[in-house]
C-alpha atoms as a PDB file:
ATOM      1  CA  MET A   1      16.828 -45.780  99.880  1.00  0.00           C
ATOM      2  CA  GLY A   2      14.725 -48.621 101.560  1.00  0.00           C
ATOM      3  CA  VAL A   3      11.054 -47.814  99.541  1.00  0.00           C
ATOM      4  CA  ILE A   4      10.911 -49.063  96.519  1.00  0.00           C
ATOM      5  CA  TYR A   5       9.533 -47.403  93.313  1.00  0.00           C
ATOM      6  CA  THR A   6       6.688 -48.253  91.315  1.00  0.00           C
ATOM      7  CA  GLY A   7       4.582 -45.946  89.018  1.00  0.00           C
ATOM      8  CA  ASN A   8       4.551 -44.580  85.231  1.00  0.00           C
ATOM      9  CA  GLY A   9       7.763 -45.233  83.460  1.00  0.00           C
ATOM     10  CA  THR A  10       9.310 -45.566  79.920  1.00  0.00           C
ATOM     11  CA  TYR A  11       9.997 -49.319  79.715  1.00  0.00           C
ATOM     12  CA  CYS A  12       8.705 -49.930  77.288  1.00  0.00           C
ATOM     13  CA  TYR A  13      10.842 -53.203  76.040  1.00  0.00           C
ATOM     14  CA  SER A  14      11.315 -54.537  78.574  1.00  0.00           C
ATOM     15  CA  ASP A  15       7.422 -54.486  79.617  1.00  0.00           C
ATOM     16  CA  SER A  16       6.207 -55.230  76.513  1.00  0.00           C
ATOM     17  CA  LEU A  17       8.783 -58.317  76.762  1.00  0.00           C
ATOM     18  CA  HIS A  18       7.578 -58.920  79.999  1.00  0.00           C
ATOM     19  CA  MET A  19       4.410 -59.621  77.754  1.00  0.00           C
ATOM     20  CA  SER A  20       5.318 -61.549  75.462  1.00  0.00           C
ATOM     21  CA  LEU A  21       6.681 -64.281  78.205  1.00  0.00           C
ATOM     22  CA  LEU A  22       3.943 -64.553  80.086  1.00  0.00           C
ATOM     23  CA  ALA A  23       1.346 -64.618  76.984  1.00  0.00           C
ATOM     24  CA  SER A  24       4.190 -68.118  75.920  1.00  0.00           C
ATOM     25  CA  GLY A  25       3.637 -69.281  79.007  1.00  0.00           C
ATOM     26  CA  ALA A  26       6.506 -68.774  81.382  1.00  0.00           C
ATOM     27  CA  ASP A  27       5.515 -69.033  84.913  1.00  0.00           C
ATOM     28  CA  LYS A  28       4.584 -65.354  86.774  1.00  0.00           C
ATOM     29  CA  ARG A  29       5.535 -67.043  89.634  1.00  0.00           C
ATOM     30  CA  GLU A  30       9.357 -67.117  88.568  1.00  0.00           C
ATOM     31  CA  LEU A  31       9.594 -64.418  85.679  1.00  0.00           C
ATOM     32  CA  PRO A  32      11.384 -61.314  87.204  1.00  0.00           C
ATOM     33  CA  GLY A  33       9.614 -58.263  86.269  1.00  0.00           C
ATOM     34  CA  PRO A  34       9.788 -55.166  84.151  1.00  0.00           C
ATOM     35  CA  GLY A  35      12.774 -53.385  86.951  1.00  0.00           C
ATOM     36  CA  PHE A  36      14.922 -56.822  86.161  1.00  0.00           C
ATOM     37  CA  LEU A  37      14.015 -57.344  82.523  1.00  0.00           C
ATOM     38  CA  GLU A  38      15.555 -53.617  81.506  1.00  0.00           C
ATOM     39  CA  CYS A  39      19.150 -54.928  83.825  1.00  0.00           C
ATOM     40  CA  LEU A  40      19.045 -57.319  81.896  1.00  0.00           C
ATOM     41  CA  THR A  41      19.180 -55.635  78.751  1.00  0.00           C
ATOM     42  CA  THR A  42      21.937 -53.483  80.601  1.00  0.00           C
ATOM     43  CA  MET A  43      20.329 -50.497  79.260  1.00  0.00           C
ATOM     44  CA  PRO A  44      20.712 -49.321  82.526  1.00  0.00           C
ATOM     45  CA  PHE A  45      24.693 -49.146  82.462  1.00  0.00           C
ATOM     46  CA  GLY A  46      26.959 -46.273  80.060  1.00  0.00           C
ATOM     47  CA  ASN A  47      25.999 -43.510  78.816  1.00  0.00           C
ATOM     48  CA  THR A  48      25.640 -42.059  74.892  1.00  0.00           C
ATOM     49  CA  TYR A  49      26.113 -38.645  73.431  1.00  0.00           C
ATOM     50  CA  LEU A  50      24.974 -37.769  70.137  1.00  0.00           C
ATOM     51  CA  ARG A  51      26.785 -35.022  68.436  1.00  0.00           C
ATOM     52  CA  LEU A  52      23.662 -34.827  65.864  1.00  0.00           C
ATOM     53  CA  GLU A  53      23.561 -31.979  63.126  1.00  0.00           C
ATOM     54  CA  GLU A  54      20.371 -30.397  64.111  1.00  0.00           C
ATOM     55  CA  GLY A  55      21.830 -30.272  67.413  1.00  0.00           C
ATOM     56  CA  PRO A  56      22.794 -32.705  70.346  1.00  0.00           C
ATOM     57  CA  LEU A  57      21.130 -35.770  72.342  1.00  0.00           C
ATOM     58  CA  VAL A  58      22.296 -37.498  74.769  1.00  0.00           C
ATOM     59  CA  PHE A  59      21.191 -40.991  76.754  1.00  0.00           C
ATOM     60  CA  PHE A  60      21.117 -42.285  80.034  1.00  0.00           C
ATOM     61  CA  SER A  61      21.951 -45.585  78.881  1.00  0.00           C
ATOM     62  CA  GLY A  62      23.535 -48.228  76.643  1.00  0.00           C
ATOM     63  CA  PRO A  63      23.532 -47.923  72.977  1.00  0.00           C
ATOM     64  CA  ASP A  64      20.932 -50.286  71.123  1.00  0.00           C
ATOM     65  CA  PRO A  65      18.041 -51.499  73.243  1.00  0.00           C
ATOM     66  CA  ASP A  66      17.167 -54.211  69.903  1.00  0.00           C
ATOM     67  CA  ARG A  67      20.845 -55.419  71.652  1.00  0.00           C
ATOM     68  CA  GLY A  68      19.714 -55.764  74.421  1.00  0.00           C
ATOM     69  CA  LEU A  69      16.040 -57.813  73.882  1.00  0.00           C
ATOM     70  CA  ARG A  70      19.024 -60.411  72.584  1.00  0.00           C
ATOM     71  CA  ARG A  71      21.227 -60.003  75.736  1.00  0.00           C
ATOM     72  CA  ALA A  72      17.695 -60.590  78.179  1.00  0.00           C
ATOM     73  CA  LEU A  73      16.629 -62.864  76.586  1.00  0.00           C
ATOM     74  CA  GLY A  74      19.502 -64.833  76.406  1.00  0.00           C
ATOM     75  CA  ALA A  75      20.433 -63.888  80.225  1.00  0.00           C
ATOM     76  CA  LEU A  76      17.009 -65.866  81.136  1.00  0.00           C
ATOM     77  CA  GLY A  77      17.515 -69.102  78.993  1.00  0.00           C
ATOM     78  CA  TRP A  78      14.794 -68.155  75.628  1.00  0.00           C
ATOM     79  CA  SER A  79      15.098 -68.012  72.576  1.00  0.00           C
ATOM     80  CA  CYS A  80      12.613 -66.434  69.765  1.00  0.00           C
ATOM     81  CA  ASP A  81      12.363 -65.518  65.999  1.00  0.00           C
ATOM     82  CA  GLU A  82      13.779 -61.963  64.532  1.00  0.00           C
ATOM     83  CA  TRP A  83      12.535 -60.778  61.404  1.00  0.00           C
ATOM     84  CA  TYR A  84      12.886 -56.976  60.128  1.00  0.00           C
ATOM     85  CA  GLY A  85      13.325 -55.518  56.252  1.00  0.00           C
ATOM     86  CA  GLY A  86      11.604 -56.134  53.621  1.00  0.00           C
ATOM     87  CA  SER A  87       8.836 -54.550  52.192  1.00  0.00           C
ATOM     88  CA  GLY A  88       5.185 -53.331  53.566  1.00  0.00           C
ATOM     89  CA  GLU A  89       3.760 -55.959  52.322  1.00  0.00           C
ATOM     90  CA  GLU A  90       5.738 -58.866  53.372  1.00  0.00           C
ATOM     91  CA  ALA A  91       5.818 -57.398  56.824  1.00  0.00           C
ATOM     92  CA  LEU A  92       2.345 -58.077  56.806  1.00  0.00           C
ATOM     93  CA  GLU A  93       1.916 -61.258  56.307  1.00  0.00           C
ATOM     94  CA  ARG A  94       4.806 -61.642  58.154  1.00  0.00           C
ATOM     95  CA  LEU A  95       2.522 -60.062  60.767  1.00  0.00           C
ATOM     96  CA  ARG A  96      -0.701 -62.413  60.240  1.00  0.00           C
ATOM     97  CA  GLU A  97       1.301 -65.534  60.446  1.00  0.00           C
ATOM     98  CA  ALA A  98       3.436 -64.689  63.157  1.00  0.00           C
ATOM     99  CA  VAL A  99       0.262 -63.842  65.417  1.00  0.00           C
ATOM    100  CA  GLU A 100      -1.555 -66.699  64.963  1.00  0.00           C
ATOM    101  CA  ALA A 101       0.942 -68.568  67.052  1.00  0.00           C
ATOM    102  CA  GLY A 102       1.378 -65.946  69.956  1.00  0.00           C
ATOM    103  CA  PRO A 103       1.956 -62.701  70.950  1.00  0.00           C
ATOM    104  CA  VAL A 104       4.443 -60.334  68.984  1.00  0.00           C
ATOM    105  CA  LEU A 105       6.992 -57.787  70.020  1.00  0.00           C
ATOM    106  CA  ALA A 106       7.076 -55.308  67.306  1.00  0.00           C
ATOM    107  CA  GLY A 107       9.693 -52.444  67.757  1.00  0.00           C
ATOM    108  CA  PRO A 108      11.197 -50.294  67.384  1.00  0.00           C
ATOM    109  CA  LEU A 109       8.564 -48.099  66.040  1.00  0.00           C
ATOM    110  CA  ASP A 110       7.577 -44.907  65.743  1.00  0.00           C
ATOM    111  CA  MET A 111       6.416 -43.342  68.630  1.00  0.00           C
ATOM    112  CA  GLY A 112       5.100 -40.138  66.114  1.00  0.00           C
ATOM    113  CA  TYR A 113       3.203 -42.145  64.244  1.00  0.00           C
ATOM    114  CA  LEU A 114       0.744 -44.586  66.673  1.00  0.00           C
ATOM    115  CA  PRO A 115      -2.909 -42.495  66.242  1.00  0.00           C
ATOM    116  CA  TYR A 116      -4.449 -43.743  69.401  1.00  0.00           C
ATOM    117  CA  ASN A 117      -1.609 -40.995  71.015  1.00  0.00           C
ATOM    118  CA  PRO A 118      -2.889 -38.011  71.521  1.00  0.00           C
ATOM    119  CA  GLU A 119       0.568 -36.627  72.480  1.00  0.00           C
ATOM    120  CA  ALA A 120       2.306 -38.737  69.231  1.00  0.00           C
ATOM    121  CA  ALA A 121       2.914 -35.069  67.355  1.00  0.00           C
ATOM    122  CA  TYR A 122       5.059 -34.669  69.922  1.00  0.00           C
ATOM    123  CA  VAL A 123       6.866 -37.610  70.025  1.00  0.00           C
ATOM    124  CA  ARG A 124       7.902 -38.269  66.509  1.00  0.00           C
ATOM    125  CA  GLY A 125      11.346 -39.910  66.063  1.00  0.00           C
ATOM    126  CA  VAL A 126      11.284 -41.782  69.532  1.00  0.00           C
ATOM    127  CA  ASP A 127      12.104 -44.972  69.259  1.00  0.00           C
ATOM    128  CA  HIS A 128       8.928 -47.346  71.064  1.00  0.00           C
ATOM    129  CA  PHE A 129       8.006 -51.206  71.874  1.00  0.00           C
ATOM    130  CA  VAL A 130       4.603 -52.567  71.655  1.00  0.00           C
ATOM    131  CA  VAL A 131       2.794 -56.106  71.563  1.00  0.00           C
ATOM    132  CA  VAL A 132       0.383 -57.532  69.280  1.00  0.00           C
ATOM    133  CA  LEU A 133      -2.471 -59.624  69.929  1.00  0.00           C
ATOM    134  CA  GLU A 134      -4.174 -59.898  66.139  1.00  0.00           C
ATOM    135  CA  VAL A 135      -4.573 -58.887  62.904  1.00  0.00           C
ATOM    136  CA  ILE A 136      -7.763 -58.676  61.780  1.00  0.00           C
ATOM    137  CA  GLY A 137      -8.409 -57.517  58.076  1.00  0.00           C
ATOM    138  CA  ASP A 138      -6.616 -54.149  58.051  1.00  0.00           C
ATOM    139  CA  GLN A 139      -7.242 -53.011  61.673  1.00  0.00           C
ATOM    140  CA  ILE A 140      -4.482 -53.887  64.170  1.00  0.00           C
ATOM    141  CA  LEU A 141      -4.926 -54.971  67.868  1.00  0.00           C
ATOM    142  CA  LEU A 142      -2.140 -54.802  70.246  1.00  0.00           C
ATOM    143  CA  HIS A 143      -1.482 -53.495  73.944  1.00  0.00           C
ATOM    144  CA  ASP A 144       1.250 -50.457  73.964  1.00  0.00           C
ATOM    145  CA  PRO A 145       2.989 -50.234  77.155  1.00  0.00           C
ATOM    146  CA  ALA A 146       3.076 -46.164  77.383  1.00  0.00           C
ATOM    147  CA  GLY A 147      -1.123 -46.978  79.026  1.00  0.00           C
ATOM    148  CA  TYR A 148      -2.901 -47.888  76.346  1.00  0.00           C
ATOM    149  CA  PRO A 149      -3.812 -51.334  76.596  1.00  0.00           C
ATOM    150  CA  CYS A 150      -5.926 -52.673  74.074  1.00  0.00           C
ATOM    151  CA  ALA A 151      -5.124 -49.915  71.009  1.00  0.00           C
ATOM    152  CA  VAL A 152      -6.287 -50.234  67.681  1.00  0.00           C
ATOM    153  CA  MET A 153      -4.683 -48.594  64.330  1.00  0.00           C
ATOM    154  CA  ASP A 154      -4.919 -49.724  60.569  1.00  0.00           C
ATOM    155  CA  ALA A 155      -2.402 -51.703  59.439  1.00  0.00           C
ATOM    156  CA  ALA A 156      -1.668 -48.754  57.004  1.00  0.00           C
ATOM    157  CA  GLU A 157      -0.403 -46.269  60.335  1.00  0.00           C
ATOM    158  CA  LEU A 158       1.038 -49.477  61.843  1.00  0.00           C
ATOM    159  CA  LEU A 159       3.642 -49.524  58.797  1.00  0.00           C
ATOM    160  CA  GLU A 160       4.414 -46.456  59.123  1.00  0.00           C
ATOM    161  CA  ALA A 161       5.367 -46.160  62.150  1.00  0.00           C
ATOM    162  CA  TRP A 162       7.135 -49.569  62.069  1.00  0.00           C
ATOM    163  CA  ARG A 163       9.134 -48.454  59.230  1.00  0.00           C
ATOM    164  CA  ALA A 164      10.901 -46.091  61.700  1.00  0.00           C
ATOM    165  CA  ASP A 165      12.888 -44.338  59.508  1.00  0.00           C
ATOM    166  CA  ALA A 166      14.070 -41.850  62.177  1.00  0.00           C
ATOM    167  CA  ILE A 167      15.518 -44.724  64.509  1.00  0.00           C
ATOM    168  CA  ASP A 168      19.113 -44.745  63.782  1.00  0.00           C
ATOM    169  CA  TYR A 169      20.453 -47.922  65.623  1.00  0.00           C
ATOM    170  CA  LYS A 170      17.082 -50.440  63.483  1.00  0.00           C
ATOM    171  CA  ARG A 171      18.978 -53.287  61.974  1.00  0.00           C
ATOM    172  CA  GLY A 172      16.096 -52.696  59.431  1.00  0.00           C
ATOM    173  CA  PRO A 173      12.161 -51.825  59.142  1.00  0.00           C
ATOM    174  CA  TYR A 174       9.357 -53.651  59.869  1.00  0.00           C
ATOM    175  CA  THR A 175      11.605 -55.751  63.163  1.00  0.00           C
ATOM    176  CA  LEU A 176       9.592 -58.468  64.760  1.00  0.00           C
ATOM    177  CA  ARG A 177      10.265 -61.331  67.894  1.00  0.00           C
ATOM    178  CA  SER A 178       7.564 -64.161  67.622  1.00  0.00           C
ATOM    179  CA  GLY A 179       7.524 -67.619  68.957  1.00  0.00           C
ATOM    180  CA  PHE A 180       8.924 -67.186  72.249  1.00  0.00           C
ATOM    181  CA  ARG A 181      10.137 -70.215  74.160  1.00  0.00           C
ATOM    182  CA  ARG A 182      12.154 -71.425  76.786  1.00  0.00           C
ATOM    183  CA  VAL A 183      15.585 -72.863  75.577  1.00  0.00           C
ATOM    184  CA  GLU A 184      17.237 -73.793  78.610  1.00  0.00           C
ATOM    185  CA  GLU A 185      16.301 -73.273  82.605  1.00  0.00           C
ATOM    186  CA  VAL A 186      18.696 -70.267  84.340  1.00  0.00           C
ATOM    187  CA  ARG A 187      18.700 -69.337  87.433  1.00  0.00           C
ATOM    188  CA  ARG A 188      18.218 -65.862  89.264  1.00  0.00           C
ATOM    189  CA  GLU A 189      21.655 -66.370  89.715  1.00  0.00           C
ATOM    190  CA  GLU A 190      23.048 -67.152  86.550  1.00  0.00           C
ATOM    191  CA  SER A 191      20.819 -64.661  84.684  1.00  0.00           C
ATOM    192  CA  ILE A 192      22.584 -62.450  86.802  1.00  0.00           C
ATOM    193  CA  SER A 193      26.281 -63.581  86.696  1.00  0.00           C
ATOM    194  CA  ARG A 194      25.621 -63.169  82.477  1.00  0.00           C
ATOM    195  CA  THR A 195      24.519 -60.003  82.562  1.00  0.00           C
ATOM    196  CA  LEU A 196      27.346 -58.585  84.494  1.00  0.00           C
ATOM    197  CA  PRO A 197      30.467 -58.355  81.824  1.00  0.00           C
ATOM    198  CA  LEU A 198      27.862 -56.834  79.603  1.00  0.00           C
ATOM    199  CA  ALA A 199      26.986 -54.385  82.178  1.00  0.00           C
ATOM    200  CA  TRP A 200      30.505 -53.144  82.411  1.00  0.00           C
ATOM    201  CA  GLU A 201      30.837 -53.527  78.903  1.00  0.00           C
ATOM    202  CA  ASN A 202      28.366 -50.473  78.142  1.00  0.00           C
ATOM    203  CA  VAL A 203      30.227 -48.179  80.774  1.00  0.00           C
ATOM    204  CA  GLU A 204      33.240 -48.779  79.268  1.00  0.00           C
ATOM    205  CA  HIS A 205      31.559 -48.246  75.661  1.00  0.00           C
ATOM    206  CA  ASP A 206      32.948 -44.929  74.052  1.00  0.00           C
ATOM    207  CA  PRO A 207      33.140 -44.980  70.390  1.00  0.00           C
ATOM    208  CA  GLY A 208      35.122 -41.676  69.864  1.00  0.00           C
ATOM    209  CA  GLY A 209      33.082 -40.202  67.616  1.00  0.00           C
ATOM    210  CA  PRO A 210      32.522 -38.074  65.675  1.00  0.00           C
ATOM    211  CA  VAL A 211      29.067 -38.150  65.845  1.00  0.00           C
ATOM    212  CA  ALA A 212      28.354 -41.192  69.090  1.00  0.00           C
ATOM    213  CA  TYR A 213      30.539 -40.787  72.171  1.00  0.00           C
ATOM    214  CA  GLY A 214      30.243 -42.898  75.668  1.00  0.00           C
ATOM    215  CA  GLY A 215      31.079 -43.647  79.331  1.00  0.00           C
ATOM    216  CA  PRO A 216      32.115 -40.611  81.280  1.00  0.00           C
ATOM    217  CA  ARG A 217      33.288 -38.443  78.446  1.00  0.00           C
ATOM    218  CA  ALA A 218      29.605 -37.988  77.442  1.00  0.00           C
ATOM    219  CA  LEU A 219      28.588 -36.623  80.635  1.00  0.00           C
ATOM    220  CA  ARG A 220      31.166 -34.311  80.640  1.00  0.00           C
ATOM    221  CA  MET A 221      30.382 -33.234  77.139  1.00  0.00           C
ATOM    222  CA  LEU A 222      26.552 -33.385  78.016  1.00  0.00           C
ATOM    223  CA  ALA A 223      27.996 -30.897  80.847  1.00  0.00           C
ATOM    224  CA  GLY A 224      29.449 -28.326  77.902  1.00  0.00           C
ATOM    225  CA  ASP A 225      26.330 -28.281  76.140  1.00  0.00           C
ATOM    226  CA  LEU A 226      24.447 -27.078  79.490  1.00  0.00           C
ATOM    227  CA  ARG A 227      26.726 -23.752  80.165  1.00  0.00           C
ATOM    228  CA  ARG A 228      26.337 -23.138  76.504  1.00  0.00           C
ATOM    229  CA  GLU A 229      22.334 -22.009  74.812  1.00  0.00           C
ATOM    230  CA  MET A 230      20.313 -25.002  74.794  1.00  0.00           C
ATOM    231  CA  PRO A 231      18.595 -25.915  71.735  1.00  0.00           C
ATOM    232  CA  PRO A 232      14.480 -26.472  72.870  1.00  0.00           C
ATOM    233  CA  VAL A 233      14.991 -29.772  71.458  1.00  0.00           C
ATOM    234  CA  LEU A 234      17.532 -30.907  74.257  1.00  0.00           C
ATOM    235  CA  VAL A 235      15.641 -29.194  77.021  1.00  0.00           C
ATOM    236  CA  GLY A 236      12.413 -31.154  75.748  1.00  0.00           C
ATOM    237  CA  HIS A 237      13.698 -34.506  75.851  1.00  0.00           C
ATOM    238  CA  LEU A 238      16.231 -33.844  79.037  1.00  0.00           C
ATOM    239  CA  THR A 239      12.900 -32.806  81.435  1.00  0.00           C
ATOM    240  CA  HIS A 240      10.199 -34.904  80.086  1.00  0.00           C
ATOM    241  CA  PHE A 241      12.483 -38.050  79.463  1.00  0.00           C
ATOM    242  CA  ALA A 242      16.017 -38.615  79.645  1.00  0.00           C
ATOM    243  CA  LEU A 243      16.128 -36.835  82.874  1.00  0.00           C
ATOM    244  CA  PRO A 244      13.621 -39.581  84.734  1.00  0.00           C
ATOM    245  CA  LEU A 245      14.163 -42.510  82.769  1.00  0.00           C
ATOM    246  CA  ALA A 246      17.991 -42.840  84.082  1.00  0.00           C
ATOM    247  CA  ALA A 247      16.310 -41.630  88.021  1.00  0.00           C
ATOM    248  CA  ARG A 248      14.508 -44.575  87.495  1.00  0.00           C
ATOM    249  CA  ARG A 249      16.957 -46.867  86.263  1.00  0.00           C
ATOM    250  CA  GLY A 250      19.626 -45.925  88.739  1.00  0.00           C
ATOM    251  CA  LEU A 251      16.794 -47.382  91.338  1.00  0.00           C
ATOM    252  CA  ASP A 252      16.469 -51.055  89.574  1.00  0.00           C
ATOM    253  CA  ALA A 253      20.868 -51.222  88.510  1.00  0.00           C
ATOM    254  CA  ALA A 254      21.223 -50.508  92.528  1.00  0.00           C
ATOM    255  CA  ARG A 255      18.783 -53.316  93.312  1.00  0.00           C
ATOM    256  CA  PHE A 256      20.398 -55.533  90.541  1.00  0.00           C
ATOM    257  CA  LEU A 257      24.027 -55.357  91.876  1.00  0.00           C
ATOM    258  CA  ARG A 258      23.004 -55.600  95.148  1.00  0.00           C
ATOM    259  CA  GLU A 259      21.829 -59.293  94.314  1.00  0.00           C
ATOM    260  CA  ALA A 260      24.185 -59.304  93.105  1.00  0.00           C
ATOM    261  CA  CYS A 261      26.317 -58.490  96.012  1.00  0.00           C
ATOM    262  CA  ARG A 262      27.844 -55.602  94.647  1.00  0.00           C
ATOM    263  CA  GLU A 263      27.283 -53.011  97.625  1.00  0.00           C
ATOM    264  CA  GLU A 264      29.295 -50.715  96.557  1.00  0.00           C
ATOM    265  CA  ALA A 265      29.133 -50.151  92.852  1.00  0.00           C
ATOM    266  CA  ALA A 266      25.062 -50.319  94.214  1.00  0.00           C
ATOM    267  CA  GLY A 267      25.493 -47.407  96.385  1.00  0.00           C
ATOM    268  CA  ILE A 268      26.906 -45.449  93.474  1.00  0.00           C
ATOM    269  CA  LEU A 269      23.893 -46.011  91.079  1.00  0.00           C
ATOM    270  CA  GLU A 270      21.353 -44.917  93.894  1.00  0.00           C
ATOM    271  CA  GLY A 271      23.022 -41.969  94.546  1.00  0.00           C
ATOM    272  CA  GLN A 272      23.054 -41.161  91.112  1.00  0.00           C
ATOM    273  CA  ALA A 273      19.610 -41.727  90.585  1.00  0.00           C
ATOM    274  CA  ARG A 274      19.083 -39.004  93.445  1.00  0.00           C
ATOM    275  CA  LEU A 275      21.098 -36.953  91.425  1.00  0.00           C
ATOM    276  CA  PHE A 276      19.362 -37.394  88.488  1.00  0.00           C
ATOM    277  CA  GLY A 277      16.182 -36.554  90.542  1.00  0.00           C
ATOM    278  CA  GLU A 278      18.507 -33.274  91.373  1.00  0.00           C
ATOM    279  CA  ALA A 279      18.913 -32.788  87.700  1.00  0.00           C
ATOM    280  CA  GLN A 280      15.607 -32.985  86.829  1.00  0.00           C
ATOM    281  CA  TYR A 281      14.462 -29.637  89.382  1.00  0.00           C
ATOM    282  CA  LEU A 282      16.655 -27.873  88.407  1.00  0.00           C
ATOM    283  CA  ALA A 283      16.051 -28.174  84.616  1.00  0.00           C
ATOM    284  CA  VAL A 284      13.294 -27.985  84.988  1.00  0.00           C
ATOM    285  CA  ARG A 285      13.376 -24.373  86.194  1.00  0.00           C
ATOM    286  CA  ARG A 286      16.165 -23.638  83.107  1.00  0.00           C
ATOM    287  CA  ARG A 287      18.848 -23.435  86.069  1.00  0.00           C
ATOM    288  CA  TRP A 288      21.325 -24.610  82.918  1.00  0.00           C
ATOM    289  CA  PRO A 289      24.568 -24.415  85.496  1.00  0.00           C
ATOM    290  CA  GLU A 290      23.899 -25.985  87.687  1.00  0.00           C
ATOM    291  CA  VAL A 291      22.205 -29.099  85.761  1.00  0.00           C
ATOM    292  CA  ALA A 292      25.924 -29.065  84.309  1.00  0.00           C
ATOM    293  CA  ALA A 293      27.289 -29.175  87.873  1.00  0.00           C
ATOM    294  CA  VAL A 294      25.033 -31.612  88.630  1.00  0.00           C
ATOM    295  CA  VAL A 295      26.477 -33.730  85.615  1.00  0.00           C
ATOM    296  CA  GLU A 296      29.605 -33.882  86.353  1.00  0.00           C
ATOM    297  CA  ARG A 297      29.516 -34.861  89.183  1.00  0.00           C
ATOM    298  CA  LEU A 298      27.381 -37.556  87.332  1.00  0.00           C
ATOM    299  CA  ALA A 299      30.680 -38.459  85.814  1.00  0.00           C
ATOM    300  CA  GLY A 300      32.541 -38.234  88.141  1.00  0.00           C
ATOM    301  CA  MET A 301      30.931 -41.622  90.094  1.00  0.00           C
ATOM    302  CA  GLU A 302      30.744 -42.725  86.432  1.00  0.00           C
ATOM    303  CA  GLU A 303      34.465 -43.255  86.003  1.00  0.00           C
ATOM    304  CA  GLU A 304      34.417 -44.229  89.648  1.00  0.00           C
ATOM    305  CA  LEU A 305      31.753 -47.023  88.360  1.00  0.00           C
ATOM    306  CA  ALA A 306      33.662 -48.347  85.602  1.00  0.00           C
ATOM    307  CA  GLY A 307      36.160 -49.170  88.544  1.00  0.00           C
ATOM    308  CA  LEU A 308      34.896 -50.620  90.643  1.00  0.00           C
ATOM    309  CA  LEU A 309      32.385 -53.255  87.660  1.00  0.00           C
ATOM    310  CA  ARG A 310      36.137 -53.851  86.530  1.00  0.00           C
ATOM    311  CA  GLY A 311      37.465 -55.020  89.446  1.00  0.00           C
END
């Protein structure tokens, strides 16, 4: 495509990881940017369709950002201490101790309980990640990559968000990562080669239901939904989050695969990015049958991508 996209995006865990590694001594000349880190998480690869009681939901991504962070750290040759579970009092004590030594990557949080975000009431149940900088008495200072540097909130408010009751993939409440440290020297090419098999695993991943589905089937199930009456929650999810994020991920993943000398696969992902952009235009105008046709084209491209990555 020629022009590299830069701008706002919803790469909260990759942006938070980037901030955490830089603050922990990573060489800013060598540390990849958030777009490359996003690919190391493998989240730009794959699809996830959820058939929930309150209505369907789709993510044009791998199934688990929490696992994605571990994958990215392993690909880079870094490690960290992880902690989750326990009571709120235990979580705050652990946070106080950890932040004395360096940045703390906290999440998933429930974005709908972040009081400094004026849109919080509209994003209840959305997962999010932030970097905690200081704990001063009962007040938390943090960098929120959604556009809120030096944000402050009360400890009780953080605990409500950090409990993440509505985030299904979490291993437990109050997940934090701290003590970021390099454990081996890994060249950029090696990071890519470690990631490619896991990216293919995401593309192929399909739990088979009855709640979660993946792969091209997830896209075809979405196309079926788009030809029926659209739930308002799905409309907002697609137009405000899932479709624009998928377009950005497609562009970053295409660059990643070109660097891996997988030119044909990169071309498919770039083509998908353009289709996600087209779907966004149509979805905002509520032209759902046309969106469904675009999603079916995406499913066919996803099958082709799986074959290329497998080879």
